[in-house]
Amino acid sequence: MMKAVFINVWYLLLTIILLIIIWRIVKLVLKDKNDSDDKGLG
């Protein structure tokens, strides 16, 4: 039972890390397209 919980937590962490990486890439792309607007989240 603990192994299943551990795997679920591990997948949750991997999903969060992937979302952060994708968010940073999208933010860089948007910043390249619209360089004058420096106001954003984070």
PDB file of N, CA and C in Angstrom:
ATOM      1  N   MET A   1       0.836  -1.207   0.000  1.00  0.00           N
ATOM      2  CA  MET A   1       0.000   0.000   0.000  1.00  0.00           C
ATOM      3  C   MET A   1       0.869   1.255   0.000  1.00  0.00           C
ATOM      4  N   MET A   2       1.911   1.236   0.824  1.00  0.00           N
ATOM      5  CA  MET A   2       2.798   2.407   0.888  1.00  0.00           C
ATOM      6  C   MET A   2       3.504   2.630  -0.443  1.00  0.00           C
ATOM      7  N   LYS A   3       3.787   1.544  -1.161  1.00  0.00           N
ATOM      8  CA  LYS A   3       4.476   1.677  -2.447  1.00  0.00           C
ATOM      9  C   LYS A   3       3.587   2.417  -3.451  1.00  0.00           C
ATOM     10  N   ALA A   4       2.298   2.106  -3.450  1.00  0.00           N
ATOM     11  CA  ALA A   4       1.376   2.793  -4.363  1.00  0.00           C
ATOM     12  C   ALA A   4       1.304   4.281  -4.022  1.00  0.00           C
ATOM     13  N   VAL A   5       1.258   4.596  -2.739  1.00  0.00           N
ATOM     14  CA  VAL A   5       1.222   6.003  -2.324  1.00  0.00           C
ATOM     15  C   VAL A   5       2.505   6.703  -2.757  1.00  0.00           C
ATOM     16  N   PHE A   6       3.639   6.028  -2.583  1.00  0.00           N
ATOM     17  CA  PHE A   6       4.926   6.617  -2.973  1.00  0.00           C
ATOM     18  C   PHE A   6       4.968   6.884  -4.471  1.00  0.00           C
ATOM     19  N   ILE A   7       4.465   5.932  -5.265  1.00  0.00           N
ATOM     20  CA  ILE A   7       4.453   6.108  -6.726  1.00  0.00           C
ATOM     21  C   ILE A   7       3.546   7.278  -7.102  1.00  0.00           C
ATOM     22  N   ASN A   8       2.404   7.410  -6.436  1.00  0.00           N
ATOM     23  CA  ASN A   8       1.504   8.529  -6.731  1.00  0.00           C
ATOM     24  C   ASN A   8       2.169   9.860  -6.416  1.00  0.00           C
ATOM     25  N   VAL A   9       2.861   9.947  -5.289  1.00  0.00           N
ATOM     26  CA  VAL A   9       3.561  11.184  -4.926  1.00  0.00           C
ATOM     27  C   VAL A   9       4.666  11.472  -5.928  1.00  0.00           C
ATOM     28  N   TRP A  10       5.380  10.440  -6.361  1.00  0.00           N
ATOM     29  CA  TRP A  10       6.474  10.606  -7.328  1.00  0.00           C
ATOM     30  C   TRP A  10       5.941  11.136  -8.646  1.00  0.00           C
ATOM     31  N   TYR A  11       4.826  10.571  -9.135  1.00  0.00           N
ATOM     32  CA  TYR A  11       4.238  11.067 -10.386  1.00  0.00           C
ATOM     33  C   TYR A  11       3.744  12.497 -10.221  1.00  0.00           C
ATOM     34  N   LEU A  12       3.213  12.833  -9.058  1.00  0.00           N
ATOM     35  CA  LEU A  12       2.752  14.200  -8.802  1.00  0.00           C
ATOM     36  C   LEU A  12       3.923  15.169  -8.866  1.00  0.00           C
ATOM     37  N   LEU A  13       5.051  14.798  -8.256  1.00  0.00           N
ATOM     38  CA  LEU A  13       6.239  15.657  -8.301  1.00  0.00           C
ATOM     39  C   LEU A  13       6.750  15.808  -9.728  1.00  0.00           C
ATOM     40  N   LEU A  14       6.788  14.718 -10.481  1.00  0.00           N
ATOM     41  CA  LEU A  14       7.245  14.790 -11.877  1.00  0.00           C
ATOM     42  C   LEU A  14       6.334  15.689 -12.705  1.00  0.00           C
ATOM     43  N   THR A  15       5.023  15.601 -12.468  1.00  0.00           N
ATOM     44  CA  THR A  15       4.076  16.441 -13.206  1.00  0.00           C
ATOM     45  C   THR A  15       4.295  17.908 -12.882  1.00  0.00           C
ATOM     46  N   ILE A  16       4.516  18.227 -11.602  1.00  0.00           N
ATOM     47  CA  ILE A  16       4.758  19.618 -11.206  1.00  0.00           C
ATOM     48  C   ILE A  16       6.043  20.133 -11.845  1.00  0.00           C
ATOM     49  N   ILE A  17       7.100  19.315 -11.843  1.00  0.00           N
ATOM     50  CA  ILE A  17       8.373  19.734 -12.445  1.00  0.00           C
ATOM     51  C   ILE A  17       8.193  19.974 -13.937  1.00  0.00           C
ATOM     52  N   LEU A  18       7.472  19.086 -14.617  1.00  0.00           N
ATOM     53  CA  LEU A  18       7.234  19.262 -16.053  1.00  0.00           C
ATOM     54  C   LEU A  18       6.437  20.531 -16.317  1.00  0.00           C
ATOM     55  N   LEU A  19       5.428  20.810 -15.485  1.00  0.00           N
ATOM     56  CA  LEU A  19       4.628  22.025 -15.671  1.00  0.00           C
ATOM     57  C   LEU A  19       5.485  23.266 -15.489  1.00  0.00           C
ATOM     58  N   ILE A  20       6.393  23.248 -14.493  1.00  0.00           N
ATOM     59  CA  ILE A  20       7.273  24.400 -14.268  1.00  0.00           C
ATOM     60  C   ILE A  20       8.192  24.604 -15.469  1.00  0.00           C
ATOM     61  N   ILE A  21       8.764  23.515 -15.997  1.00  0.00           N
ATOM     62  CA  ILE A  21       9.662  23.626 -17.155  1.00  0.00           C
ATOM     63  C   ILE A  21       8.901  24.167 -18.363  1.00  0.00           C
ATOM     64  N   ILE A  22       7.707  23.619 -18.618  1.00  0.00           N
ATOM     65  CA  ILE A  22       6.905  24.089 -19.758  1.00  0.00           C
ATOM     66  C   ILE A  22       6.535  25.553 -19.563  1.00  0.00           C
ATOM     67  N   TRP A  23       6.176  25.939 -18.329  1.00  0.00           N
ATOM     68  CA  TRP A  23       5.802  27.324 -18.061  1.00  0.00           C
ATOM     69  C   TRP A  23       6.974  28.264 -18.330  1.00  0.00           C
ATOM     70  N   ARG A  24       8.185  27.858 -17.935  1.00  0.00           N
ATOM     71  CA  ARG A  24       9.367  28.697 -18.179  1.00  0.00           C
ATOM     72  C   ARG A  24       9.641  28.831 -19.674  1.00  0.00           C
ATOM     73  N   ILE A  25       9.501  27.743 -20.421  1.00  0.00           N
ATOM     74  CA  ILE A  25       9.736  27.791 -21.872  1.00  0.00           C
ATOM     75  C   ILE A  25       8.703  28.689 -22.542  1.00  0.00           C
ATOM     76  N   VAL A  26       7.436  28.533 -22.172  1.00  0.00           N
ATOM     77  CA  VAL A  26       6.377  29.372 -22.757  1.00  0.00           C
ATOM     78  C   VAL A  26       6.626  30.832 -22.419  1.00  0.00           C
ATOM     79  N   LYS A  27       7.063  31.099 -21.180  1.00  0.00           N
ATOM     80  CA  LYS A  27       7.327  32.474 -20.772  1.00  0.00           C
ATOM     81  C   LYS A  27       8.474  33.063 -21.597  1.00  0.00           C
ATOM     82  N   LEU A  28       9.520  32.264 -21.838  1.00  0.00           N
ATOM     83  CA  LEU A  28      10.639  32.742 -22.657  1.00  0.00           C
ATOM     84  C   LEU A  28      10.184  33.027 -24.082  1.00  0.00           C
ATOM     85  N   VAL A  29       9.370  32.142 -24.638  1.00  0.00           N
ATOM     86  CA  VAL A  29       8.886  32.341 -26.012  1.00  0.00           C
ATOM     87  C   VAL A  29       8.025  33.596 -26.087  1.00  0.00           C
ATOM     88  N   LEU A  30       7.136  33.777 -25.106  1.00  0.00           N
ATOM     89  CA  LEU A  30       6.276  34.962 -25.115  1.00  0.00           C
ATOM     90  C   LEU A  30       7.106  36.224 -24.932  1.00  0.00           C
ATOM     91  N   LYS A  31       8.156  36.137 -24.110  1.00  0.00           N
ATOM     92  CA  LYS A  31       9.007  37.308 -23.895  1.00  0.00           C
ATOM     93  C   LYS A  31       9.766  37.648 -25.180  1.00  0.00           C
ATOM     94  N   ASP A  32      10.175  36.613 -25.931  1.00  0.00           N
ATOM     95  CA  ASP A  32      10.859  36.865 -27.204  1.00  0.00           C
ATOM     96  C   ASP A  32       9.918  37.531 -28.205  1.00  0.00           C
ATOM     97  N   LYS A  33       8.659  37.097 -28.211  1.00  0.00           N
ATOM     98  CA  LYS A  33       7.701  37.679 -29.154  1.00  0.00           C
ATOM     99  C   LYS A  33       7.354  39.113 -28.759  1.00  0.00           C
ATOM    100  N   ASN A  34       7.154  39.339 -27.461  1.00  0.00           N
ATOM    101  CA  ASN A  34       6.724  40.652 -26.995  1.00  0.00           C
ATOM    102  C   ASN A  34       7.738  41.154 -25.974  1.00  0.00           C
ATOM    103  N   ASP A  35       8.855  41.689 -26.477  1.00  0.00           N
ATOM    104  CA  ASP A  35       9.967  42.045 -25.607  1.00  0.00           C
ATOM    105  C   ASP A  35       9.705  43.336 -24.840  1.00  0.00           C
ATOM    106  N   SER A  36       8.782  44.174 -25.317  1.00  0.00           N
ATOM    107  CA  SER A  36       8.539  45.460 -24.671  1.00  0.00           C
ATOM    108  C   SER A  36       7.740  45.279 -23.379  1.00  0.00           C
ATOM    109  N   ASP A  37       6.912  44.243 -23.329  1.00  0.00           N
ATOM    110  CA  ASP A  37       6.069  44.026 -22.152  1.00  0.00           C
ATOM    111  C   ASP A  37       6.795  43.118 -21.164  1.00  0.00           C
ATOM    112  N   ASP A  38       7.332  43.722 -20.119  1.00  0.00           N
ATOM    113  CA  ASP A  38       8.126  42.956 -19.148  1.00  0.00           C
ATOM    114  C   ASP A  38       7.305  42.581 -17.922  1.00  0.00           C
ATOM    115  N   LYS A  39       6.012  42.922 -17.894  1.00  0.00           N
ATOM    116  CA  LYS A  39       5.182  42.610 -16.735  1.00  0.00           C
ATOM    117  C   LYS A  39       4.550  41.239 -16.924  1.00  0.00           C
ATOM    118  N   GLY A  40       4.776  40.353 -15.946  1.00  0.00           N
ATOM    119  CA  GLY A  40       4.211  39.008 -16.051  1.00  0.00           C
ATOM    120  C   GLY A  40       4.233  38.329 -14.704  1.00  0.00           C
ATOM    121  N   LEU A  41       3.746  37.109 -14.660  1.00  0.00           N
ATOM    122  CA  LEU A  41       3.759  36.363 -13.411  1.00  0.00           C
ATOM    123  C   LEU A  41       5.164  35.839 -13.134  1.00  0.00           C
ATOM    124  N   GLY A  42       5.608  35.980 -11.907  1.00  0.00           N
ATOM    125  CA  GLY A  42       6.931  35.483 -11.551  1.00  0.00           C
ATOM    126  C   GLY A  42       8.024  36.386 -12.024  1.00  0.00           C
TER     127      GLY A  42
END
